[in-house]
Amino acid sequence: MDIRKLDRTAVLETVRILEQSSPEHWEAPTPCADWNLRDLVAHMAGQHIGFAAAAAGEGADLAVWRPAELGDDPLKTYRAAADAVLDAFAQPGVLTSEFALPEISTTTTFPAQVAIGFHFLDYVVHGWDVARTLGLDPRVDDDIAEAALVFALRVPDDDRRLGPEAQFEPALTPAKGAPTLDLALAALGRTPGWTAPAAPATSPQH
């Protein structure tokens, strides 16, 4: 499994999906409870920046993991963060390094293959989050979905998913015969059939 290639594909898919957004989408609700699209993309860009720092041996400071300031051009900001993490992961020697990921543990580091696997899984799932927010379906090839399921099933489904800072919600039971991506989503507490709630009807003006 070439985790960097899989991760690059997942990240570039998030960019492709976001390129289909319009200004009115940035306040739209997402599958991530309490986050609109701007909140979600600020998180996604911030995580790219954090992982890029971790790849350079500078990830221990929680400050580098904060949500990004998206400014007046959220898509441009997100593209820059995506480019930064992909470039960081592509550097020689990265796959033999250890990543500090303080949002997961402040007492241990993680082998690069494992850390990039975490990043890969996040961006398959967040790509789906963004796509569903826009009323789209992400392009997820079989190899991406199968790798995402492998990583999703490794995420402990315990009390750590119940707190306000939990990265994923408790696992759901997937539909019988569900496709591989849906199995991965359900394992992480996502509802595969999620659609954006309808906007409330407005009262006619008199």
N, C-alpha and C. Protein backbone atom coordinates (compact mmCIF):
# COMPACT_ATOMS: atom_id res chain seq x y z
N MET A 1 0.84 -1.19 0.00
CA MET A 1 0.00 0.00 0.00
C MET A 1 0.88 1.25 0.00
N ASP A 2 0.77 2.08 -1.02
CA ASP A 2 1.53 3.33 -1.10
C ASP A 2 0.68 4.42 -0.45
N ILE A 3 0.87 4.64 0.85
CA ILE A 3 -0.01 5.52 1.59
C ILE A 3 0.09 6.96 1.10
N ARG A 4 1.26 7.38 0.64
CA ARG A 4 1.37 8.76 0.16
C ARG A 4 0.59 8.96 -1.13
N LYS A 5 0.58 7.97 -1.99
CA LYS A 5 -0.20 8.08 -3.23
C LYS A 5 -1.70 8.10 -2.91
N LEU A 6 -2.12 7.22 -2.01
CA LEU A 6 -3.54 7.21 -1.62
C LEU A 6 -3.93 8.54 -1.00
N ASP A 7 -3.08 9.05 -0.12
CA ASP A 7 -3.37 10.31 0.55
C ASP A 7 -3.45 11.46 -0.45
N ARG A 8 -2.53 11.50 -1.39
CA ARG A 8 -2.54 12.56 -2.40
C ARG A 8 -3.84 12.54 -3.19
N THR A 9 -4.28 11.35 -3.56
CA THR A 9 -5.53 11.22 -4.32
C THR A 9 -6.70 11.75 -3.51
N ALA A 10 -6.75 11.38 -2.22
CA ALA A 10 -7.84 11.82 -1.36
C ALA A 10 -7.83 13.34 -1.19
N VAL A 11 -6.66 13.91 -0.97
CA VAL A 11 -6.57 15.36 -0.77
C VAL A 11 -6.96 16.11 -2.03
N LEU A 12 -6.45 15.69 -3.17
CA LEU A 12 -6.78 16.37 -4.42
C LEU A 12 -8.26 16.27 -4.75
N GLU A 13 -8.90 15.19 -4.31
CA GLU A 13 -10.34 15.08 -4.51
C GLU A 13 -11.08 16.13 -3.69
N THR A 14 -10.59 16.42 -2.47
CA THR A 14 -11.25 17.48 -1.69
C THR A 14 -11.12 18.83 -2.38
N VAL A 15 -9.99 19.07 -3.01
CA VAL A 15 -9.81 20.32 -3.74
C VAL A 15 -10.78 20.37 -4.92
N ARG A 16 -10.86 19.27 -5.66
CA ARG A 16 -11.77 19.23 -6.82
C ARG A 16 -13.21 19.49 -6.40
N ILE A 17 -13.62 18.88 -5.31
CA ILE A 17 -15.00 19.07 -4.85
C ILE A 17 -15.23 20.52 -4.44
N LEU A 18 -14.31 21.09 -3.67
CA LEU A 18 -14.48 22.46 -3.21
C LEU A 18 -14.49 23.45 -4.36
N GLU A 19 -13.83 23.12 -5.45
CA GLU A 19 -13.84 24.01 -6.61
C GLU A 19 -15.23 24.14 -7.22
N GLN A 20 -16.14 23.27 -6.83
CA GLN A 20 -17.52 23.33 -7.32
C GLN A 20 -18.45 24.10 -6.38
N SER A 21 -17.88 24.66 -5.32
CA SER A 21 -18.68 25.42 -4.37
C SER A 21 -18.94 26.83 -4.89
N SER A 22 -19.96 27.44 -4.32
CA SER A 22 -20.31 28.83 -4.61
C SER A 22 -20.33 29.60 -3.30
N PRO A 23 -20.30 30.93 -3.33
CA PRO A 23 -20.27 31.70 -2.08
C PRO A 23 -21.39 31.35 -1.11
N GLU A 24 -22.57 31.03 -1.64
CA GLU A 24 -23.69 30.73 -0.74
C GLU A 24 -23.52 29.42 0.01
N HIS A 25 -22.61 28.57 -0.44
CA HIS A 25 -22.41 27.28 0.23
C HIS A 25 -21.66 27.41 1.56
N TRP A 26 -20.92 28.49 1.78
CA TRP A 26 -20.01 28.54 2.91
C TRP A 26 -20.72 28.56 4.26
N GLU A 27 -21.98 28.94 4.26
CA GLU A 27 -22.75 28.90 5.51
C GLU A 27 -23.63 27.66 5.59
N ALA A 28 -23.53 26.75 4.63
CA ALA A 28 -24.41 25.58 4.59
C ALA A 28 -24.02 24.57 5.66
N PRO A 29 -25.01 23.85 6.21
CA PRO A 29 -24.72 22.80 7.20
C PRO A 29 -23.99 21.63 6.54
N THR A 30 -23.21 20.93 7.35
CA THR A 30 -22.44 19.78 6.87
C THR A 30 -22.80 18.55 7.71
N PRO A 31 -22.33 17.36 7.31
CA PRO A 31 -22.54 16.17 8.15
C PRO A 31 -21.83 16.25 9.50
N CYS A 32 -20.92 17.20 9.67
CA CYS A 32 -20.24 17.39 10.95
C CYS A 32 -21.10 18.30 11.82
N ALA A 33 -21.64 17.75 12.89
CA ALA A 33 -22.59 18.49 13.72
C ALA A 33 -22.02 19.83 14.15
N ASP A 34 -22.84 20.87 14.03
CA ASP A 34 -22.51 22.23 14.48
C ASP A 34 -21.50 22.95 13.60
N TRP A 35 -21.07 22.35 12.52
CA TRP A 35 -20.13 23.01 11.62
C TRP A 35 -20.81 23.32 10.30
N ASN A 36 -20.68 24.56 9.84
CA ASN A 36 -21.05 24.85 8.46
C ASN A 36 -19.82 24.59 7.58
N LEU A 37 -19.97 24.84 6.28
CA LEU A 37 -18.87 24.49 5.37
C LEU A 37 -17.62 25.30 5.69
N ARG A 38 -17.77 26.57 6.02
CA ARG A 38 -16.59 27.38 6.35
C ARG A 38 -15.87 26.79 7.56
N ASP A 39 -16.62 26.41 8.59
CA ASP A 39 -16.00 25.81 9.77
C ASP A 39 -15.24 24.54 9.41
N LEU A 40 -15.89 23.71 8.59
CA LEU A 40 -15.27 22.43 8.21
C LEU A 40 -13.98 22.66 7.43
N VAL A 41 -14.02 23.57 6.47
CA VAL A 41 -12.84 23.80 5.64
C VAL A 41 -11.73 24.48 6.45
N ALA A 42 -12.09 25.32 7.41
CA ALA A 42 -11.07 25.90 8.30
C ALA A 42 -10.37 24.79 9.08
N HIS A 43 -11.15 23.82 9.55
CA HIS A 43 -10.57 22.66 10.23
C HIS A 43 -9.68 21.86 9.28
N MET A 44 -10.18 21.58 8.09
CA MET A 44 -9.42 20.79 7.13
C MET A 44 -8.10 21.46 6.77
N ALA A 45 -8.15 22.77 6.51
CA ALA A 45 -6.92 23.49 6.16
C ALA A 45 -5.96 23.51 7.36
N GLY A 46 -6.51 23.70 8.56
CA GLY A 46 -5.66 23.69 9.75
C GLY A 46 -4.98 22.36 9.98
N GLN A 47 -5.70 21.28 9.71
CA GLN A 47 -5.10 19.96 9.85
C GLN A 47 -4.00 19.72 8.81
N HIS A 48 -4.21 20.20 7.59
CA HIS A 48 -3.13 20.11 6.59
C HIS A 48 -1.87 20.81 7.11
N ILE A 49 -2.06 22.01 7.66
CA ILE A 49 -0.91 22.78 8.15
C ILE A 49 -0.25 22.04 9.32
N GLY A 50 -1.06 21.46 10.19
CA GLY A 50 -0.51 20.71 11.31
C GLY A 50 0.27 19.49 10.87
N PHE A 51 -0.29 18.74 9.94
CA PHE A 51 0.42 17.54 9.45
C PHE A 51 1.69 17.92 8.70
N ALA A 52 1.65 19.04 7.96
CA ALA A 52 2.87 19.49 7.29
C ALA A 52 3.95 19.81 8.31
N ALA A 53 3.56 20.46 9.41
CA ALA A 53 4.52 20.75 10.48
C ALA A 53 5.03 19.46 11.10
N ALA A 54 4.14 18.50 11.32
CA ALA A 54 4.55 17.22 11.92
C ALA A 54 5.55 16.50 11.02
N ALA A 55 5.34 16.56 9.72
CA ALA A 55 6.26 15.91 8.78
C ALA A 55 7.64 16.53 8.83
N ALA A 56 7.68 17.81 9.23
CA ALA A 56 8.96 18.52 9.34
C ALA A 56 9.54 18.44 10.74
N GLY A 57 8.92 17.64 11.62
CA GLY A 57 9.40 17.49 12.98
C GLY A 57 8.97 18.60 13.90
N GLU A 58 7.92 19.36 13.52
CA GLU A 58 7.52 20.53 14.29
C GLU A 58 6.04 20.48 14.68
N GLY A 59 5.51 19.26 14.87
CA GLY A 59 4.09 19.13 15.12
C GLY A 59 3.68 19.09 16.58
N ALA A 60 4.62 19.13 17.51
CA ALA A 60 4.28 18.94 18.92
C ALA A 60 3.49 20.10 19.51
N ASP A 61 3.64 21.28 18.94
CA ASP A 61 2.95 22.46 19.45
C ASP A 61 1.50 22.46 18.99
N LEU A 62 0.56 22.40 19.92
CA LEU A 62 -0.86 22.38 19.56
C LEU A 62 -1.28 23.61 18.75
N ALA A 63 -0.54 24.70 18.89
CA ALA A 63 -0.91 25.93 18.19
C ALA A 63 -0.87 25.76 16.67
N VAL A 64 -0.02 24.85 16.17
CA VAL A 64 0.06 24.69 14.71
C VAL A 64 -1.13 23.92 14.17
N TRP A 65 -1.96 23.38 15.05
CA TRP A 65 -3.10 22.57 14.63
C TRP A 65 -4.43 23.33 14.67
N ARG A 66 -4.39 24.59 15.00
CA ARG A 66 -5.65 25.32 15.13
C ARG A 66 -6.29 25.51 13.75
N PRO A 67 -7.62 25.68 13.71
CA PRO A 67 -8.29 25.92 12.43
C PRO A 67 -7.66 27.12 11.71
N ALA A 68 -7.61 27.01 10.40
CA ALA A 68 -6.99 28.06 9.60
C ALA A 68 -7.91 29.27 9.46
N GLU A 69 -7.30 30.43 9.33
CA GLU A 69 -8.05 31.64 8.97
C GLU A 69 -8.22 31.63 7.46
N LEU A 70 -9.47 31.50 7.00
CA LEU A 70 -9.70 31.32 5.56
C LEU A 70 -9.69 32.62 4.78
N GLY A 71 -9.93 33.75 5.46
CA GLY A 71 -9.89 35.03 4.77
C GLY A 71 -11.00 35.20 3.75
N ASP A 72 -10.76 36.08 2.79
CA ASP A 72 -11.78 36.41 1.79
C ASP A 72 -11.85 35.41 0.66
N ASP A 73 -10.85 34.54 0.55
CA ASP A 73 -10.82 33.55 -0.53
C ASP A 73 -10.57 32.17 0.08
N PRO A 74 -11.63 31.57 0.67
CA PRO A 74 -11.43 30.29 1.36
C PRO A 74 -10.85 29.20 0.47
N LEU A 75 -11.26 29.16 -0.78
CA LEU A 75 -10.76 28.11 -1.68
C LEU A 75 -9.26 28.27 -1.91
N LYS A 76 -8.80 29.50 -2.12
CA LYS A 76 -7.37 29.73 -2.32
C LYS A 76 -6.58 29.33 -1.08
N THR A 77 -7.10 29.67 0.09
CA THR A 77 -6.44 29.30 1.34
C THR A 77 -6.38 27.79 1.49
N TYR A 78 -7.48 27.13 1.16
CA TYR A 78 -7.49 25.67 1.29
C TYR A 78 -6.52 25.03 0.30
N ARG A 79 -6.50 25.49 -0.94
CA ARG A 79 -5.57 24.93 -1.93
C ARG A 79 -4.13 25.06 -1.43
N ALA A 80 -3.79 26.21 -0.87
CA ALA A 80 -2.41 26.43 -0.40
C ALA A 80 -2.07 25.45 0.72
N ALA A 81 -3.01 25.22 1.64
CA ALA A 81 -2.76 24.28 2.73
C ALA A 81 -2.61 22.86 2.21
N ALA A 82 -3.45 22.50 1.24
CA ALA A 82 -3.36 21.16 0.64
C ALA A 82 -2.02 20.97 -0.06
N ASP A 83 -1.60 21.98 -0.81
CA ASP A 83 -0.30 21.90 -1.48
C ASP A 83 0.83 21.75 -0.47
N ALA A 84 0.72 22.46 0.65
CA ALA A 84 1.78 22.42 1.67
C ALA A 84 1.93 21.03 2.26
N VAL A 85 0.81 20.38 2.58
CA VAL A 85 0.93 19.06 3.21
C VAL A 85 1.40 18.02 2.20
N LEU A 86 0.93 18.11 0.97
CA LEU A 86 1.37 17.14 -0.04
C LEU A 86 2.86 17.30 -0.31
N ASP A 87 3.34 18.53 -0.33
CA ASP A 87 4.76 18.77 -0.53
C ASP A 87 5.56 18.24 0.67
N ALA A 88 5.03 18.46 1.88
CA ALA A 88 5.73 17.99 3.08
C ALA A 88 5.84 16.47 3.10
N PHE A 89 4.77 15.80 2.73
CA PHE A 89 4.78 14.33 2.72
C PHE A 89 5.69 13.77 1.63
N ALA A 90 5.94 14.55 0.58
CA ALA A 90 6.75 14.07 -0.53
C ALA A 90 8.25 14.22 -0.31
N GLN A 91 8.64 14.87 0.79
CA GLN A 91 10.06 15.12 1.02
C GLN A 91 10.83 13.82 1.27
N PRO A 92 12.09 13.74 0.81
CA PRO A 92 12.90 12.55 1.05
C PRO A 92 13.03 12.26 2.54
N GLY A 93 12.95 11.00 2.89
CA GLY A 93 13.14 10.60 4.27
C GLY A 93 11.92 10.67 5.16
N VAL A 94 10.82 11.23 4.64
CA VAL A 94 9.63 11.39 5.49
C VAL A 94 9.12 10.04 5.99
N LEU A 95 9.13 9.04 5.15
CA LEU A 95 8.53 7.75 5.54
C LEU A 95 9.31 7.03 6.63
N THR A 96 10.49 7.49 6.96
CA THR A 96 11.25 6.88 8.06
C THR A 96 11.18 7.74 9.33
N SER A 97 10.40 8.80 9.30
CA SER A 97 10.34 9.72 10.44
C SER A 97 9.19 9.39 11.38
N GLU A 98 9.19 10.05 12.52
CA GLU A 98 8.11 9.94 13.50
C GLU A 98 7.37 11.28 13.55
N PHE A 99 6.04 11.20 13.62
CA PHE A 99 5.21 12.41 13.65
C PHE A 99 4.68 12.65 15.06
N ALA A 100 4.79 13.87 15.55
CA ALA A 100 4.10 14.28 16.78
C ALA A 100 2.69 14.72 16.39
N LEU A 101 1.70 14.08 16.99
CA LEU A 101 0.29 14.38 16.72
C LEU A 101 -0.39 14.64 18.07
N PRO A 102 -0.22 15.84 18.62
CA PRO A 102 -0.66 16.08 20.00
C PRO A 102 -2.17 16.00 20.20
N GLU A 103 -2.95 16.12 19.14
CA GLU A 103 -4.39 15.99 19.29
C GLU A 103 -4.79 14.53 19.55
N ILE A 104 -3.88 13.61 19.22
CA ILE A 104 -4.13 12.19 19.48
C ILE A 104 -3.41 11.75 20.75
N SER A 105 -2.14 12.14 20.88
CA SER A 105 -1.36 11.79 22.08
C SER A 105 -0.25 12.81 22.27
N THR A 106 -0.08 13.24 23.50
CA THR A 106 1.02 14.15 23.82
C THR A 106 2.22 13.41 24.41
N THR A 107 2.11 12.09 24.50
CA THR A 107 3.17 11.31 25.13
C THR A 107 3.90 10.37 24.18
N THR A 108 3.43 10.27 22.97
CA THR A 108 4.08 9.36 22.02
C THR A 108 4.06 9.97 20.64
N THR A 109 4.91 9.48 19.77
CA THR A 109 4.90 9.87 18.36
C THR A 109 4.47 8.68 17.53
N PHE A 110 4.22 8.94 16.26
CA PHE A 110 3.65 7.93 15.39
C PHE A 110 4.53 7.75 14.15
N PRO A 111 4.78 6.49 13.73
CA PRO A 111 5.51 6.27 12.49
C PRO A 111 4.81 6.97 11.33
N ALA A 112 5.60 7.44 10.39
CA ALA A 112 5.04 8.20 9.28
C ALA A 112 3.92 7.47 8.55
N GLN A 113 4.10 6.18 8.31
CA GLN A 113 3.08 5.42 7.59
C GLN A 113 1.74 5.47 8.34
N VAL A 114 1.81 5.38 9.67
CA VAL A 114 0.59 5.42 10.48
C VAL A 114 -0.01 6.83 10.46
N ALA A 115 0.83 7.83 10.66
CA ALA A 115 0.35 9.21 10.71
C ALA A 115 -0.27 9.62 9.37
N ILE A 116 0.39 9.29 8.28
CA ILE A 116 -0.17 9.65 6.98
C ILE A 116 -1.45 8.87 6.72
N GLY A 117 -1.54 7.66 7.28
CA GLY A 117 -2.78 6.90 7.21
C GLY A 117 -3.92 7.61 7.91
N PHE A 118 -3.64 8.21 9.08
CA PHE A 118 -4.65 9.00 9.78
C PHE A 118 -5.13 10.14 8.88
N HIS A 119 -4.16 10.83 8.29
CA HIS A 119 -4.48 11.97 7.42
C HIS A 119 -5.31 11.52 6.22
N PHE A 120 -4.90 10.42 5.61
CA PHE A 120 -5.64 9.87 4.47
C PHE A 120 -7.09 9.59 4.83
N LEU A 121 -7.31 8.91 5.95
CA LEU A 121 -8.67 8.58 6.35
C LEU A 121 -9.49 9.84 6.57
N ASP A 122 -8.91 10.82 7.25
CA ASP A 122 -9.62 12.07 7.49
C ASP A 122 -10.10 12.71 6.19
N TYR A 123 -9.27 12.66 5.16
CA TYR A 123 -9.61 13.40 3.94
C TYR A 123 -10.50 12.60 2.99
N VAL A 124 -10.52 11.30 3.12
CA VAL A 124 -11.59 10.54 2.44
C VAL A 124 -12.92 10.92 3.07
N VAL A 125 -12.97 10.93 4.40
CA VAL A 125 -14.23 11.23 5.10
C VAL A 125 -14.62 12.69 4.90
N HIS A 126 -13.68 13.60 5.05
CA HIS A 126 -14.02 15.01 4.89
C HIS A 126 -14.34 15.35 3.43
N GLY A 127 -13.74 14.63 2.49
CA GLY A 127 -14.13 14.82 1.09
C GLY A 127 -15.60 14.46 0.90
N TRP A 128 -16.00 13.38 1.55
CA TRP A 128 -17.41 12.99 1.50
C TRP A 128 -18.27 14.05 2.19
N ASP A 129 -17.81 14.56 3.35
CA ASP A 129 -18.56 15.60 4.06
C ASP A 129 -18.81 16.80 3.14
N VAL A 130 -17.76 17.26 2.48
CA VAL A 130 -17.89 18.43 1.63
C VAL A 130 -18.81 18.13 0.43
N ALA A 131 -18.60 16.98 -0.16
CA ALA A 131 -19.42 16.61 -1.31
C ALA A 131 -20.90 16.58 -0.94
N ARG A 132 -21.23 15.95 0.17
CA ARG A 132 -22.63 15.87 0.58
C ARG A 132 -23.19 17.24 0.91
N THR A 133 -22.37 18.11 1.48
CA THR A 133 -22.80 19.49 1.75
C THR A 133 -23.22 20.18 0.46
N LEU A 134 -22.50 19.89 -0.63
CA LEU A 134 -22.79 20.51 -1.92
C LEU A 134 -23.81 19.72 -2.73
N GLY A 135 -24.31 18.62 -2.15
CA GLY A 135 -25.27 17.79 -2.87
C GLY A 135 -24.63 16.93 -3.94
N LEU A 136 -23.33 16.61 -3.76
CA LEU A 136 -22.58 15.84 -4.73
C LEU A 136 -22.15 14.50 -4.13
N ASP A 137 -21.64 13.62 -4.97
CA ASP A 137 -21.00 12.39 -4.52
C ASP A 137 -19.51 12.47 -4.86
N PRO A 138 -18.64 12.14 -3.92
CA PRO A 138 -17.21 12.18 -4.22
C PRO A 138 -16.82 11.06 -5.18
N ARG A 139 -15.72 11.27 -5.90
CA ARG A 139 -15.16 10.22 -6.75
C ARG A 139 -14.19 9.40 -5.90
N VAL A 140 -14.59 8.21 -5.55
CA VAL A 140 -13.76 7.36 -4.68
C VAL A 140 -13.56 6.02 -5.36
N ASP A 141 -12.37 5.78 -5.88
CA ASP A 141 -12.08 4.50 -6.53
C ASP A 141 -12.03 3.38 -5.50
N ASP A 142 -12.10 2.16 -6.00
CA ASP A 142 -12.16 1.00 -5.10
C ASP A 142 -10.95 0.94 -4.17
N ASP A 143 -9.76 1.25 -4.69
CA ASP A 143 -8.58 1.13 -3.83
C ASP A 143 -8.61 2.15 -2.70
N ILE A 144 -9.17 3.33 -2.97
CA ILE A 144 -9.29 4.34 -1.92
C ILE A 144 -10.30 3.89 -0.87
N ALA A 145 -11.46 3.43 -1.33
CA ALA A 145 -12.50 3.00 -0.39
C ALA A 145 -12.03 1.82 0.45
N GLU A 146 -11.35 0.87 -0.17
CA GLU A 146 -10.90 -0.31 0.57
C GLU A 146 -9.84 0.07 1.62
N ALA A 147 -8.92 0.95 1.25
CA ALA A 147 -7.91 1.39 2.22
C ALA A 147 -8.56 2.19 3.34
N ALA A 148 -9.53 3.03 3.00
CA ALA A 148 -10.22 3.82 4.02
C ALA A 148 -10.94 2.90 5.01
N LEU A 149 -11.54 1.83 4.52
CA LEU A 149 -12.23 0.89 5.40
C LEU A 149 -11.24 0.21 6.35
N VAL A 150 -10.08 -0.17 5.83
CA VAL A 150 -9.06 -0.80 6.68
C VAL A 150 -8.69 0.14 7.84
N PHE A 151 -8.44 1.41 7.52
CA PHE A 151 -8.06 2.36 8.57
C PHE A 151 -9.23 2.66 9.49
N ALA A 152 -10.44 2.77 8.93
CA ALA A 152 -11.61 3.09 9.76
C ALA A 152 -11.86 2.01 10.81
N LEU A 153 -11.65 0.77 10.43
CA LEU A 153 -11.90 -0.33 11.35
C LEU A 153 -10.85 -0.41 12.46
N ARG A 154 -9.75 0.31 12.30
CA ARG A 154 -8.72 0.34 13.33
C ARG A 154 -8.98 1.42 14.38
N VAL A 155 -9.93 2.31 14.11
CA VAL A 155 -10.21 3.40 15.05
C VAL A 155 -11.04 2.84 16.20
N PRO A 156 -10.56 2.94 17.44
CA PRO A 156 -11.32 2.38 18.56
C PRO A 156 -12.73 2.96 18.65
N ASP A 157 -13.70 2.09 18.83
CA ASP A 157 -15.09 2.51 18.99
C ASP A 157 -15.44 2.38 20.47
N ASP A 158 -15.01 3.39 21.23
CA ASP A 158 -15.18 3.32 22.68
C ASP A 158 -15.62 4.69 23.21
N ASP A 159 -15.47 4.90 24.50
CA ASP A 159 -15.96 6.13 25.13
C ASP A 159 -15.28 7.38 24.60
N ARG A 160 -14.14 7.22 23.96
CA ARG A 160 -13.46 8.39 23.41
C ARG A 160 -14.24 9.03 22.28
N ARG A 161 -15.22 8.33 21.76
CA ARG A 161 -16.06 8.91 20.71
C ARG A 161 -17.25 9.69 21.27
N LEU A 162 -17.37 9.76 22.57
CA LEU A 162 -18.55 10.36 23.18
C LEU A 162 -18.32 11.79 23.65
N GLY A 163 -17.09 12.20 23.79
CA GLY A 163 -16.79 13.53 24.31
C GLY A 163 -16.96 14.63 23.28
N PRO A 164 -16.99 15.89 23.73
CA PRO A 164 -17.18 17.01 22.81
C PRO A 164 -16.03 17.19 21.83
N GLU A 165 -14.86 16.68 22.16
CA GLU A 165 -13.70 16.81 21.27
C GLU A 165 -13.46 15.55 20.43
N ALA A 166 -14.42 14.62 20.46
CA ALA A 166 -14.25 13.36 19.73
C ALA A 166 -14.11 13.62 18.24
N GLN A 167 -13.18 12.90 17.61
CA GLN A 167 -12.97 13.05 16.18
C GLN A 167 -14.05 12.36 15.37
N PHE A 168 -14.60 11.27 15.92
CA PHE A 168 -15.64 10.52 15.22
C PHE A 168 -16.75 10.17 16.20
N GLU A 169 -17.95 9.95 15.69
CA GLU A 169 -19.07 9.52 16.52
C GLU A 169 -19.08 8.00 16.59
N PRO A 170 -19.84 7.43 17.54
CA PRO A 170 -19.92 5.96 17.63
C PRO A 170 -20.35 5.33 16.31
N ALA A 171 -19.82 4.16 16.05
CA ALA A 171 -20.09 3.46 14.79
C ALA A 171 -21.59 3.19 14.63
N LEU A 172 -22.02 3.19 13.39
CA LEU A 172 -23.40 2.87 13.04
C LEU A 172 -23.43 1.51 12.34
N THR A 173 -24.58 0.88 12.33
CA THR A 173 -24.74 -0.37 11.60
C THR A 173 -25.02 -0.06 10.14
N PRO A 174 -24.16 -0.50 9.23
CA PRO A 174 -24.39 -0.18 7.82
C PRO A 174 -25.55 -0.98 7.24
N ALA A 175 -26.09 -0.48 6.15
CA ALA A 175 -27.14 -1.21 5.45
C ALA A 175 -26.57 -2.49 4.85
N LYS A 176 -27.39 -3.50 4.76
CA LYS A 176 -26.95 -4.76 4.17
C LYS A 176 -26.53 -4.54 2.72
N GLY A 177 -25.37 -5.07 2.37
CA GLY A 177 -24.87 -4.91 1.01
C GLY A 177 -24.34 -3.54 0.69
N ALA A 178 -24.06 -2.73 1.73
CA ALA A 178 -23.57 -1.37 1.51
C ALA A 178 -22.23 -1.38 0.80
N PRO A 179 -21.98 -0.39 -0.07
CA PRO A 179 -20.67 -0.31 -0.73
C PRO A 179 -19.57 -0.03 0.28
N THR A 180 -18.34 -0.26 -0.15
CA THR A 180 -17.20 -0.18 0.75
C THR A 180 -17.06 1.18 1.41
N LEU A 181 -17.24 2.27 0.66
CA LEU A 181 -17.13 3.60 1.24
C LEU A 181 -18.16 3.78 2.35
N ASP A 182 -19.37 3.32 2.11
CA ASP A 182 -20.41 3.44 3.14
C ASP A 182 -20.05 2.66 4.40
N LEU A 183 -19.40 1.52 4.23
CA LEU A 183 -18.96 0.74 5.39
C LEU A 183 -17.94 1.55 6.21
N ALA A 184 -17.03 2.22 5.53
CA ALA A 184 -16.04 3.05 6.23
C ALA A 184 -16.72 4.22 6.93
N LEU A 185 -17.65 4.86 6.26
CA LEU A 185 -18.34 6.00 6.85
C LEU A 185 -19.12 5.58 8.08
N ALA A 186 -19.86 4.47 7.97
CA ALA A 186 -20.66 3.99 9.10
C ALA A 186 -19.76 3.61 10.28
N ALA A 187 -18.60 3.03 10.00
CA ALA A 187 -17.66 2.66 11.06
C ALA A 187 -17.19 3.87 11.85
N LEU A 188 -17.27 5.05 11.23
CA LEU A 188 -16.83 6.28 11.88
C LEU A 188 -18.00 7.15 12.32
N GLY A 189 -19.20 6.57 12.31
CA GLY A 189 -20.36 7.29 12.81
C GLY A 189 -21.03 8.22 11.84
N ARG A 190 -20.62 8.19 10.57
CA ARG A 190 -21.30 9.00 9.56
C ARG A 190 -22.53 8.24 9.04
N THR A 191 -23.55 8.98 8.67
CA THR A 191 -24.74 8.39 8.05
C THR A 191 -24.57 8.47 6.54
N PRO A 192 -24.32 7.36 5.86
CA PRO A 192 -24.00 7.42 4.43
C PRO A 192 -25.04 8.12 3.58
N GLY A 193 -26.31 8.06 3.97
CA GLY A 193 -27.36 8.70 3.18
C GLY A 193 -27.62 10.15 3.53
N TRP A 194 -26.70 10.78 4.30
CA TRP A 194 -26.94 12.14 4.77
C TRP A 194 -27.17 13.10 3.62
N THR A 195 -28.16 13.95 3.78
CA THR A 195 -28.39 15.06 2.84
C THR A 195 -28.60 16.32 3.67
N ALA A 196 -28.29 17.44 3.09
CA ALA A 196 -28.44 18.71 3.81
C ALA A 196 -29.91 18.95 4.13
N PRO A 197 -30.20 19.42 5.33
CA PRO A 197 -31.59 19.73 5.67
C PRO A 197 -32.14 20.83 4.78
N ALA A 198 -33.42 20.72 4.49
CA ALA A 198 -34.06 21.73 3.65
C ALA A 198 -34.11 23.06 4.39
N ALA A 199 -33.91 24.12 3.65
CA ALA A 199 -34.00 25.45 4.26
C ALA A 199 -35.44 25.70 4.70
N PRO A 200 -35.62 26.36 5.84
CA PRO A 200 -36.98 26.64 6.30
C PRO A 200 -37.74 27.52 5.33
N ALA A 201 -39.02 27.25 5.18
CA ALA A 201 -39.83 28.06 4.28
C ALA A 201 -39.97 29.45 4.86
N THR A 202 -39.95 30.45 4.00
CA THR A 202 -40.11 31.83 4.45
C THR A 202 -41.56 32.25 4.32
N SER A 203 -42.00 33.06 5.24
CA SER A 203 -43.38 33.54 5.20
C SER A 203 -43.54 34.57 4.10
N PRO A 204 -44.66 34.55 3.40
CA PRO A 204 -44.86 35.57 2.35
C PRO A 204 -44.94 36.96 2.95
N GLN A 205 -44.43 37.91 2.24
CA GLN A 205 -44.46 39.29 2.70
C GLN A 205 -45.81 39.93 2.36
N HIS A 206 -46.33 40.71 3.28
CA HIS A 206 -47.61 41.38 3.05
C HIS A 206 -47.39 42.88 3.01
